[in-house]
């Protein structure tokens, strides 16, 4: 089935929250996200106001993954895929779209929080794509990785 990529819109927020609860690793339910201050309304507002741009991947009009960043800081906030769509290059493609957006906005350095446990898929995924540890740990206990961009 063909995969369609597009820029996220505010109306995607509810589907994003639903999908995040169905990921294989690092899943967050709607209630857990709400406890962090992330609701359908706040996510939709972030997209609409441009502070939290993102890209979604769809198959037959159904969201199967997404990637969002923080427009002000250069942080990749979240990359999430449904388990059945892992290993098909979708995560890499979504992340590449966000990296290119940030490059276009003039960023020379991007960062993200990633599990420090090598048994977690994201640990190797980001490193394989050139992200490097900074030696920092974020507030959630994740290792901070960075990507230096040629602008």
C-alpha atoms as a PDB file:
ATOM      1  CA  UNK A   1       0.000   0.000   0.000  1.00  0.00           C
ATOM      2  CA  UNK A   2       1.301   3.455  -0.847  1.00  0.00           C
ATOM      3  CA  UNK A   3       2.348   5.696   2.022  1.00  0.00           C
ATOM      4  CA  UNK A   4       1.392   9.356   1.796  1.00  0.00           C
ATOM      5  CA  UNK A   5       3.329  12.032   3.668  1.00  0.00           C
ATOM      6  CA  UNK A   6       1.919  15.462   4.394  1.00  0.00           C
ATOM      7  CA  UNK A   7       2.312  18.419   6.705  1.00  0.00           C
ATOM      8  CA  UNK A   8       0.303  18.049   9.899  1.00  0.00           C
ATOM      9  CA  UNK A   9      -2.783  20.189  10.433  1.00  0.00           C
ATOM     10  CA  UNK A  10      -4.598  21.075  13.658  1.00  0.00           C
ATOM     11  CA  UNK A  11      -7.339  18.529  12.905  1.00  0.00           C
ATOM     12  CA  UNK A  12      -4.710  15.760  13.220  1.00  0.00           C
ATOM     13  CA  UNK A  13      -4.259  16.299  16.968  1.00  0.00           C
ATOM     14  CA  UNK A  14      -6.861  13.774  18.150  1.00  0.00           C
ATOM     15  CA  UNK A  15      -5.465  11.065  15.853  1.00  0.00           C
ATOM     16  CA  UNK A  16      -1.929  11.856  17.051  1.00  0.00           C
ATOM     17  CA  UNK A  17      -2.920  11.395  20.681  1.00  0.00           C
ATOM     18  CA  UNK A  18      -4.730   8.153  19.870  1.00  0.00           C
ATOM     19  CA  UNK A  19      -1.771   6.800  17.901  1.00  0.00           C
ATOM     20  CA  UNK A  20       0.702   7.664  20.666  1.00  0.00           C
ATOM     21  CA  UNK A  21      -1.158   5.352  23.006  1.00  0.00           C
ATOM     22  CA  UNK A  22      -0.862   2.471  20.531  1.00  0.00           C
ATOM     23  CA  UNK A  23       2.895   2.558  19.904  1.00  0.00           C
ATOM     24  CA  UNK A  24       4.986  -0.451  20.892  1.00  0.00           C
ATOM     25  CA  UNK A  25       7.625   1.391  22.909  1.00  0.00           C
ATOM     26  CA  UNK A  26       7.259   4.625  24.845  1.00  0.00           C
ATOM     27  CA  UNK A  27       3.461   4.649  24.534  1.00  0.00           C
ATOM     28  CA  UNK A  28       1.573   7.388  26.367  1.00  0.00           C
ATOM     29  CA  UNK A  29      -2.188   7.203  26.858  1.00  0.00           C
ATOM     30  CA  UNK A  30      -4.392  10.262  26.457  1.00  0.00           C
ATOM     31  CA  UNK A  31      -4.597  10.461  30.261  1.00  0.00           C
ATOM     32  CA  UNK A  32      -0.809  10.300  30.645  1.00  0.00           C
ATOM     33  CA  UNK A  33      -0.358  12.994  28.007  1.00  0.00           C
ATOM     34  CA  UNK A  34      -2.999  15.165  29.685  1.00  0.00           C
ATOM     35  CA  UNK A  35      -1.095  14.859  32.969  1.00  0.00           C
ATOM     36  CA  UNK A  36       1.871  16.363  31.100  1.00  0.00           C
ATOM     37  CA  UNK A  37      -0.339  19.190  29.804  1.00  0.00           C
ATOM     38  CA  UNK A  38      -0.728  17.690  26.327  1.00  0.00           C
ATOM     39  CA  UNK A  39      -4.343  17.577  25.193  1.00  0.00           C
ATOM     40  CA  UNK A  40      -6.082  17.530  21.833  1.00  0.00           C
ATOM     41  CA  UNK A  41      -6.673  21.252  22.275  1.00  0.00           C
ATOM     42  CA  UNK A  42      -3.090  22.143  23.196  1.00  0.00           C
ATOM     43  CA  UNK A  43      -1.640  19.962  20.419  1.00  0.00           C
ATOM     44  CA  UNK A  44      -4.027  21.426  17.832  1.00  0.00           C
ATOM     45  CA  UNK A  45      -3.179  24.954  19.007  1.00  0.00           C
ATOM     46  CA  UNK A  46       0.570  24.259  18.729  1.00  0.00           C
ATOM     47  CA  UNK A  47       0.118  23.074  15.158  1.00  0.00           C
ATOM     48  CA  UNK A  48      -2.216  25.924  14.186  1.00  0.00           C
ATOM     49  CA  UNK A  49       0.044  28.617  15.646  1.00  0.00           C
ATOM     50  CA  UNK A  50       3.167  27.109  14.063  1.00  0.00           C
ATOM     51  CA  UNK A  51       5.040  26.418  17.299  1.00  0.00           C
ATOM     52  CA  UNK A  52       4.851  22.638  16.925  1.00  0.00           C
ATOM     53  CA  UNK A  53       5.125  21.784  13.242  1.00  0.00           C
ATOM     54  CA  UNK A  54       4.977  18.198  12.100  1.00  0.00           C
ATOM     55  CA  UNK A  55       4.497  15.665   9.369  1.00  0.00           C
ATOM     56  CA  UNK A  56       2.188  12.661   9.246  1.00  0.00           C
ATOM     57  CA  UNK A  57       2.281   9.426   7.282  1.00  0.00           C
ATOM     58  CA  UNK A  58      -0.985   7.919   6.073  1.00  0.00           C
ATOM     59  CA  UNK A  59      -2.061   4.720   4.382  1.00  0.00           C
ATOM     60  CA  UNK A  60      -5.530   4.724   2.822  1.00  0.00           C
ATOM     61  CA  UNK A  61      -6.292   7.980   4.652  1.00  0.00           C
ATOM     62  CA  UNK A  62      -5.411   6.469   8.063  1.00  0.00           C
ATOM     63  CA  UNK A  63      -2.554   7.918  10.114  1.00  0.00           C
ATOM     64  CA  UNK A  64       0.208   5.365  10.724  1.00  0.00           C
ATOM     65  CA  UNK A  65       2.926   7.674  12.056  1.00  0.00           C
ATOM     66  CA  UNK A  66       4.038  11.222  12.712  1.00  0.00           C
ATOM     67  CA  UNK A  67       6.951  13.411  13.725  1.00  0.00           C
ATOM     68  CA  UNK A  68       6.750  16.818  15.435  1.00  0.00           C
ATOM     69  CA  UNK A  69       9.275  19.410  16.509  1.00  0.00           C
ATOM     70  CA  UNK A  70       9.492  22.566  18.591  1.00  0.00           C
ATOM     71  CA  UNK A  71       9.867  25.450  16.115  1.00  0.00           C
ATOM     72  CA  UNK A  72      11.600  27.693  18.648  1.00  0.00           C
ATOM     73  CA  UNK A  73      14.175  25.328  20.148  1.00  0.00           C
ATOM     74  CA  UNK A  74      15.062  22.846  17.405  1.00  0.00           C
ATOM     75  CA  UNK A  75      13.901  19.873  19.448  1.00  0.00           C
ATOM     76  CA  UNK A  76      12.357  16.836  17.818  1.00  0.00           C
ATOM     77  CA  UNK A  77       9.525  16.358  20.284  1.00  0.00           C
ATOM     78  CA  UNK A  78       8.085  13.066  19.130  1.00  0.00           C
ATOM     79  CA  UNK A  79       8.378  10.420  16.421  1.00  0.00           C
ATOM     80  CA  UNK A  80       5.687   7.752  16.681  1.00  0.00           C
ATOM     81  CA  UNK A  81       4.600   4.831  14.496  1.00  0.00           C
ATOM     82  CA  UNK A  82       2.015   2.117  14.775  1.00  0.00           C
ATOM     83  CA  UNK A  83       3.770  -1.222  15.379  1.00  0.00           C
ATOM     84  CA  UNK A  84       2.620  -2.790  12.087  1.00  0.00           C
ATOM     85  CA  UNK A  85       4.374   0.001  10.174  1.00  0.00           C
ATOM     86  CA  UNK A  86       7.775  -0.173  11.867  1.00  0.00           C
ATOM     87  CA  UNK A  87      10.769  -1.201   9.767  1.00  0.00           C
ATOM     88  CA  UNK A  88       9.368   0.184   6.510  1.00  0.00           C
ATOM     89  CA  UNK A  89      11.351   3.447   6.403  1.00  0.00           C
ATOM     90  CA  UNK A  90       8.431   5.589   7.558  1.00  0.00           C
ATOM     91  CA  UNK A  91      10.096   6.852  10.726  1.00  0.00           C
ATOM     92  CA  UNK A  92      13.246   7.728   8.816  1.00  0.00           C
ATOM     93  CA  UNK A  93      11.212   9.571   6.167  1.00  0.00           C
ATOM     94  CA  UNK A  94       9.185  11.517   8.743  1.00  0.00           C
ATOM     95  CA  UNK A  95      12.295  12.488  10.692  1.00  0.00           C
ATOM     96  CA  UNK A  96      14.058  13.564   7.487  1.00  0.00           C
ATOM     97  CA  UNK A  97      11.142  15.874   6.651  1.00  0.00           C
ATOM     98  CA  UNK A  98      11.378  17.540  10.058  1.00  0.00           C
ATOM     99  CA  UNK A  99      15.165  17.855   9.791  1.00  0.00           C
ATOM    100  CA  UNK A 100      14.775  19.558   6.413  1.00  0.00           C
ATOM    101  CA  UNK A 101      12.158  21.932   7.843  1.00  0.00           C
ATOM    102  CA  UNK A 102      14.534  22.927  10.640  1.00  0.00           C
ATOM    103  CA  UNK A 103      17.407  23.305   8.185  1.00  0.00           C
ATOM    104  CA  UNK A 104      15.215  25.658   6.151  1.00  0.00           C
ATOM    105  CA  UNK A 105      14.516  27.702   9.277  1.00  0.00           C
ATOM    106  CA  UNK A 106      18.256  28.159   9.779  1.00  0.00           C
ATOM    107  CA  UNK A 107      18.942  25.693  12.588  1.00  0.00           C
ATOM    108  CA  UNK A 108      22.488  24.315  12.779  1.00  0.00           C
ATOM    109  CA  UNK A 109      21.792  21.957  15.695  1.00  0.00           C
ATOM    110  CA  UNK A 110      18.781  19.798  16.549  1.00  0.00           C
ATOM    111  CA  UNK A 111      18.250  17.724  19.669  1.00  0.00           C
ATOM    112  CA  UNK A 112      15.920  15.120  21.135  1.00  0.00           C
ATOM    113  CA  UNK A 113      15.476  12.917  24.182  1.00  0.00           C
ATOM    114  CA  UNK A 114      16.059   9.215  23.604  1.00  0.00           C
ATOM    115  CA  UNK A 115      16.081   6.120  25.788  1.00  0.00           C
ATOM    116  CA  UNK A 116      19.563   5.408  27.102  1.00  0.00           C
ATOM    117  CA  UNK A 117      18.828   1.659  27.072  1.00  0.00           C
ATOM    118  CA  UNK A 118      20.362  -0.029  23.996  1.00  0.00           C
ATOM    119  CA  UNK A 119      17.530  -2.594  24.080  1.00  0.00           C
ATOM    120  CA  UNK A 120      15.032   0.133  23.100  1.00  0.00           C
ATOM    121  CA  UNK A 121      14.668   0.492  19.320  1.00  0.00           C
ATOM    122  CA  UNK A 122      15.058   4.286  19.287  1.00  0.00           C
ATOM    123  CA  UNK A 123      18.516   4.010  20.872  1.00  0.00           C
ATOM    124  CA  UNK A 124      20.051   2.518  17.738  1.00  0.00           C
ATOM    125  CA  UNK A 125      17.672   4.182  15.281  1.00  0.00           C
ATOM    126  CA  UNK A 126      18.804   7.739  15.950  1.00  0.00           C
ATOM    127  CA  UNK A 127      22.489   6.853  16.238  1.00  0.00           C
ATOM    128  CA  UNK A 128      22.334   5.061  12.893  1.00  0.00           C
ATOM    129  CA  UNK A 129      21.029   8.310  11.384  1.00  0.00           C
ATOM    130  CA  UNK A 130      23.903  10.386  12.754  1.00  0.00           C
ATOM    131  CA  UNK A 131      22.496  11.650  16.063  1.00  0.00           C
ATOM    132  CA  UNK A 132      25.155  11.776  18.799  1.00  0.00           C
ATOM    133  CA  UNK A 133      24.957  11.779  22.612  1.00  0.00           C
ATOM    134  CA  UNK A 134      25.585  15.108  24.327  1.00  0.00           C
ATOM    135  CA  UNK A 135      26.273  13.625  27.752  1.00  0.00           C
ATOM    136  CA  UNK A 136      23.115  15.299  29.093  1.00  0.00           C
ATOM    137  CA  UNK A 137      20.017  13.672  30.586  1.00  0.00           C
ATOM    138  CA  UNK A 138      16.653  15.447  30.243  1.00  0.00           C
ATOM    139  CA  UNK A 139      13.893  15.875  32.836  1.00  0.00           C
ATOM    140  CA  UNK A 140      12.286  12.580  31.799  1.00  0.00           C
ATOM    141  CA  UNK A 141      15.521  10.659  32.338  1.00  0.00           C
ATOM    142  CA  UNK A 142      16.229  10.308  28.619  1.00  0.00           C
ATOM    143  CA  UNK A 143      19.614  10.783  27.033  1.00  0.00           C
ATOM    144  CA  UNK A 144      19.864  13.961  24.948  1.00  0.00           C
ATOM    145  CA  UNK A 145      21.106  13.385  21.413  1.00  0.00           C
ATOM    146  CA  UNK A 146      22.020  16.075  18.899  1.00  0.00           C
ATOM    147  CA  UNK A 147      22.347  16.351  15.157  1.00  0.00           C
ATOM    148  CA  UNK A 148      24.617  18.991  13.657  1.00  0.00           C
ATOM    149  CA  UNK A 149      23.337  20.369  10.344  1.00  0.00           C
ATOM    150  CA  UNK A 150      25.176  21.891   7.471  1.00  0.00           C
ATOM    151  CA  UNK A 151      23.146  24.991   6.648  1.00  0.00           C
END
